[in-house]
Amino acid sequence: IYLAHLKFDKSVKKVVKVFRRDEKSTKRFFNELSLLKSLQHPNVMALEKAGSFSDHHAIIMPYCDGGALYNLIGRMTQEEMEHYFLQMCGGLKYLHSRGIVHRDIKLDNILVSGSQIVITDFDMSSGIIPGTSL
């Protein structure tokens, strides 16, 4: 994952997630891209653009100025923790209602932007198949 600036406006920051073009990474790229295209929720990372190049694939997403929630552990008030926890539950509820299991929820995959969190990193996610166990 890289931080990028737009050529015409250096103040605009974006996050670029890069995947190699080997078979396994390409599969993860298309899995994440497919999921991000189908999702729209304030607590789920938004897709801005994606592309494939000669040696890699890339997904471009909004920059979250607060970084990973992991970095705020020990510095949050109880009210802030509750606020973020409720948002995380809302994002997960949305994903589950769409039949999606994240499979890698951890504080590093929850980013903070202002007072809002977003769940990110969907390359390991999968759909729920009715009649199967998780």
C-alpha atoms as a PDB file:
ATOM      1  CA  ILE A   1       0.000   0.000   0.000  1.00  0.00           C
ATOM      2  CA  TYR A   2       1.361   3.392  -1.024  1.00  0.00           C
ATOM      3  CA  LEU A   3       0.422   7.017  -0.443  1.00  0.00           C
ATOM      4  CA  ALA A   4       0.074   8.955  -3.698  1.00  0.00           C
ATOM      5  CA  HIS A   5      -0.513  12.593  -4.638  1.00  0.00           C
ATOM      6  CA  LEU A   6      -2.330  13.800  -7.735  1.00  0.00           C
ATOM      7  CA  LYS A   7      -0.022  15.392 -10.322  1.00  0.00           C
ATOM      8  CA  PHE A   8      -2.227  18.445 -10.757  1.00  0.00           C
ATOM      9  CA  ASP A   9      -3.014  18.942  -7.040  1.00  0.00           C
ATOM     10  CA  LYS A  10      -0.363  17.767  -4.581  1.00  0.00           C
ATOM     11  CA  SER A  11      -2.710  18.417  -1.627  1.00  0.00           C
ATOM     12  CA  VAL A  12      -4.998  15.554  -2.711  1.00  0.00           C
ATOM     13  CA  LYS A  13      -3.836  12.253  -1.240  1.00  0.00           C
ATOM     14  CA  LYS A  14      -4.896   8.771  -2.324  1.00  0.00           C
ATOM     15  CA  VAL A  15      -4.034   5.262  -1.196  1.00  0.00           C
ATOM     16  CA  VAL A  16      -2.777   2.890  -3.872  1.00  0.00           C
ATOM     17  CA  LYS A  17      -2.830  -0.842  -3.148  1.00  0.00           C
ATOM     18  CA  VAL A  18      -0.522  -2.683  -5.535  1.00  0.00           C
ATOM     19  CA  PHE A  19      -0.727  -6.375  -6.472  1.00  0.00           C
ATOM     20  CA  ARG A  20       1.910  -8.330  -8.396  1.00  0.00           C
ATOM     21  CA  ARG A  21       0.779  -9.974 -11.632  1.00  0.00           C
ATOM     22  CA  ASP A  22       1.444 -13.543 -10.530  1.00  0.00           C
ATOM     23  CA  GLU A  23      -1.510 -15.948 -10.494  1.00  0.00           C
ATOM     24  CA  LYS A  24      -2.243 -15.774  -6.742  1.00  0.00           C
ATOM     25  CA  SER A  25      -1.970 -11.969  -6.474  1.00  0.00           C
ATOM     26  CA  THR A  26      -4.016 -11.453  -9.639  1.00  0.00           C
ATOM     27  CA  LYS A  27      -6.791 -13.607  -8.178  1.00  0.00           C
ATOM     28  CA  ARG A  28      -6.730 -11.548  -4.940  1.00  0.00           C
ATOM     29  CA  PHE A  29      -6.783  -8.295  -6.954  1.00  0.00           C
ATOM     30  CA  PHE A  30      -9.862  -9.283  -8.957  1.00  0.00           C
ATOM     31  CA  ASN A  31     -11.578 -10.633  -5.833  1.00  0.00           C
ATOM     32  CA  GLU A  32     -11.078  -7.339  -3.981  1.00  0.00           C
ATOM     33  CA  LEU A  33     -11.957  -5.262  -7.045  1.00  0.00           C
ATOM     34  CA  SER A  34     -15.186  -7.186  -7.605  1.00  0.00           C
ATOM     35  CA  LEU A  35     -16.238  -6.754  -3.982  1.00  0.00           C
ATOM     36  CA  LEU A  36     -15.348  -3.058  -3.787  1.00  0.00           C
ATOM     37  CA  LYS A  37     -17.339  -2.350  -6.965  1.00  0.00           C
ATOM     38  CA  SER A  38     -20.445  -3.849  -5.360  1.00  0.00           C
ATOM     39  CA  LEU A  39     -20.202  -2.131  -1.963  1.00  0.00           C
ATOM     40  CA  GLN A  40     -21.397   1.284  -0.865  1.00  0.00           C
ATOM     41  CA  HIS A  41     -21.484   2.040   2.861  1.00  0.00           C
ATOM     42  CA  PRO A  42     -19.923   4.847   4.932  1.00  0.00           C
ATOM     43  CA  ASN A  43     -17.941   2.324   7.007  1.00  0.00           C
ATOM     44  CA  VAL A  44     -16.622   0.265   4.075  1.00  0.00           C
ATOM     45  CA  MET A  45     -13.688   1.450   1.946  1.00  0.00           C
ATOM     46  CA  ALA A  46     -14.742   3.030  -1.337  1.00  0.00           C
ATOM     47  CA  LEU A  47     -13.199   2.189  -4.692  1.00  0.00           C
ATOM     48  CA  GLU A  48     -12.090   5.184  -6.733  1.00  0.00           C
ATOM     49  CA  LYS A  49     -10.232   3.565  -9.632  1.00  0.00           C
ATOM     50  CA  ALA A  50      -8.371   0.412 -10.560  1.00  0.00           C
ATOM     51  CA  GLY A  51      -6.045  -0.608 -13.328  1.00  0.00           C
ATOM     52  CA  SER A  52      -3.713  -3.254 -14.662  1.00  0.00           C
ATOM     53  CA  PHE A  53      -0.225  -2.487 -15.874  1.00  0.00           C
ATOM     54  CA  SER A  54       2.596  -4.536 -17.391  1.00  0.00           C
ATOM     55  CA  ASP A  55       3.954  -5.770 -14.056  1.00  0.00           C
ATOM     56  CA  HIS A  56       1.218  -5.039 -11.500  1.00  0.00           C
ATOM     57  CA  HIS A  57      -2.429  -4.284 -10.746  1.00  0.00           C
ATOM     58  CA  ALA A  58      -3.521  -1.327  -8.606  1.00  0.00           C
ATOM     59  CA  ILE A  59      -6.590  -0.227  -6.668  1.00  0.00           C
ATOM     60  CA  ILE A  60      -6.936   3.469  -5.813  1.00  0.00           C
ATOM     61  CA  MET A  61      -8.897   4.393  -2.684  1.00  0.00           C
ATOM     62  CA  PRO A  62      -9.472   7.491  -0.555  1.00  0.00           C
ATOM     63  CA  TYR A  63      -6.769   8.439   1.945  1.00  0.00           C
ATOM     64  CA  CYS A  64      -7.738   8.086   5.622  1.00  0.00           C
ATOM     65  CA  ASP A  65      -5.832  10.737   7.573  1.00  0.00           C
ATOM     66  CA  GLY A  66      -6.106   8.970  10.947  1.00  0.00           C
ATOM     67  CA  GLY A  67      -4.313   5.819   9.821  1.00  0.00           C
ATOM     68  CA  ALA A  68      -5.086   2.386  11.235  1.00  0.00           C
ATOM     69  CA  LEU A  69      -7.246   2.062  14.336  1.00  0.00           C
ATOM     70  CA  TYR A  70      -4.419  -0.040  15.784  1.00  0.00           C
ATOM     71  CA  ASN A  71      -2.318   3.127  16.155  1.00  0.00           C
ATOM     72  CA  LEU A  72      -4.950   4.749  18.380  1.00  0.00           C
ATOM     73  CA  ILE A  73      -5.076   1.963  20.975  1.00  0.00           C
ATOM     74  CA  GLY A  74      -4.279   3.371  24.410  1.00  0.00           C
ATOM     75  CA  ARG A  75      -4.985   6.945  23.290  1.00  0.00           C
ATOM     76  CA  MET A  76      -8.781   6.795  22.874  1.00  0.00           C
ATOM     77  CA  THR A  77     -11.424   7.680  25.405  1.00  0.00           C
ATOM     78  CA  GLN A  78     -14.125   5.146  26.191  1.00  0.00           C
ATOM     79  CA  GLU A  79     -16.587   7.277  24.208  1.00  0.00           C
ATOM     80  CA  GLU A  80     -14.321   7.214  21.148  1.00  0.00           C
ATOM     81  CA  MET A  81     -13.896   3.435  21.435  1.00  0.00           C
ATOM     82  CA  GLU A  82     -17.670   2.966  21.625  1.00  0.00           C
ATOM     83  CA  HIS A  83     -18.167   5.337  18.674  1.00  0.00           C
ATOM     84  CA  TYR A  84     -15.699   3.404  16.497  1.00  0.00           C
ATOM     85  CA  PHE A  85     -16.991   0.008  17.693  1.00  0.00           C
ATOM     86  CA  LEU A  86     -20.567   0.863  16.708  1.00  0.00           C
ATOM     87  CA  GLN A  87     -19.393   1.979  13.265  1.00  0.00           C
ATOM     88  CA  MET A  88     -17.391  -1.225  12.833  1.00  0.00           C
ATOM     89  CA  CYS A  89     -20.481  -3.252  13.761  1.00  0.00           C
ATOM     90  CA  GLY A  90     -22.511  -1.257  11.226  1.00  0.00           C
ATOM     91  CA  GLY A  91     -19.971  -1.941   8.481  1.00  0.00           C
ATOM     92  CA  LEU A  92     -19.786  -5.654   9.303  1.00  0.00           C
ATOM     93  CA  LYS A  93     -23.581  -5.907   9.466  1.00  0.00           C
ATOM     94  CA  TYR A  94     -23.750  -4.354   5.996  1.00  0.00           C
ATOM     95  CA  LEU A  95     -21.148  -6.799   4.633  1.00  0.00           C
ATOM     96  CA  HIS A  96     -22.919  -9.796   6.164  1.00  0.00           C
ATOM     97  CA  SER A  97     -26.282  -8.605   4.815  1.00  0.00           C
ATOM     98  CA  ARG A  98     -24.648  -8.676   1.370  1.00  0.00           C
ATOM     99  CA  GLY A  99     -23.382 -12.222   1.944  1.00  0.00           C
ATOM    100  CA  ILE A 100     -19.736 -11.213   2.424  1.00  0.00           C
ATOM    101  CA  VAL A 101     -17.357 -12.541   5.078  1.00  0.00           C
ATOM    102  CA  HIS A 102     -14.276 -10.317   5.497  1.00  0.00           C
ATOM    103  CA  ARG A 103     -11.986 -13.103   6.850  1.00  0.00           C
ATOM    104  CA  ASP A 104      -9.247 -10.705   8.022  1.00  0.00           C
ATOM    105  CA  ILE A 105     -10.821  -8.255  10.483  1.00  0.00           C
ATOM    106  CA  LYS A 106      -8.134  -6.720  12.669  1.00  0.00           C
ATOM    107  CA  LEU A 107      -7.288  -3.232  13.892  1.00  0.00           C
ATOM    108  CA  ASP A 108      -4.778  -2.763  11.030  1.00  0.00           C
ATOM    109  CA  ASN A 109      -7.625  -3.215   8.510  1.00  0.00           C
ATOM    110  CA  ILE A 110      -9.854  -0.580  10.091  1.00  0.00           C
ATOM    111  CA  LEU A 111      -8.834   2.935   9.073  1.00  0.00           C
ATOM    112  CA  VAL A 112      -9.825   6.238  10.649  1.00  0.00           C
ATOM    113  CA  SER A 113     -10.809   9.336   8.707  1.00  0.00           C
ATOM    114  CA  GLY A 114     -11.907  12.181  10.948  1.00  0.00           C
ATOM    115  CA  SER A 115     -14.413  10.652  13.355  1.00  0.00           C
ATOM    116  CA  GLN A 116     -15.360   7.854  10.959  1.00  0.00           C
ATOM    117  CA  ILE A 117     -13.882   4.386  10.496  1.00  0.00           C
ATOM    118  CA  VAL A 118     -13.761   2.370   7.295  1.00  0.00           C
ATOM    119  CA  ILE A 119     -13.198  -1.355   6.949  1.00  0.00           C
ATOM    120  CA  THR A 120     -10.595  -2.110   4.308  1.00  0.00           C
ATOM    121  CA  ASP A 121      -8.505  -4.927   2.788  1.00  0.00           C
ATOM    122  CA  PHE A 122     -10.994  -7.233   1.091  1.00  0.00           C
ATOM    123  CA  ASP A 123      -8.582  -9.412  -0.895  1.00  0.00           C
ATOM    124  CA  MET A 124      -9.218 -12.418   1.393  1.00  0.00           C
ATOM    125  CA  SER A 125     -12.984 -11.881   1.625  1.00  0.00           C
ATOM    126  CA  SER A 126     -15.477 -14.369   0.312  1.00  0.00           C
ATOM    127  CA  GLY A 127     -19.163 -14.782  -0.248  1.00  0.00           C
ATOM    128  CA  ILE A 128     -21.346 -16.890   2.005  1.00  0.00           C
ATOM    129  CA  ILE A 129     -22.695 -19.952   0.240  1.00  0.00           C
ATOM    130  CA  PRO A 130     -26.152 -20.846   1.590  1.00  0.00           C
ATOM    131  CA  GLY A 131     -26.182 -24.130   3.491  1.00  0.00           C
ATOM    132  CA  THR A 132     -22.463 -24.102   4.323  1.00  0.00           C
ATOM    133  CA  SER A 133     -20.672 -23.476   7.607  1.00  0.00           C
ATOM    134  CA  LEU A 134     -18.141 -20.736   8.198  1.00  0.00           C
END
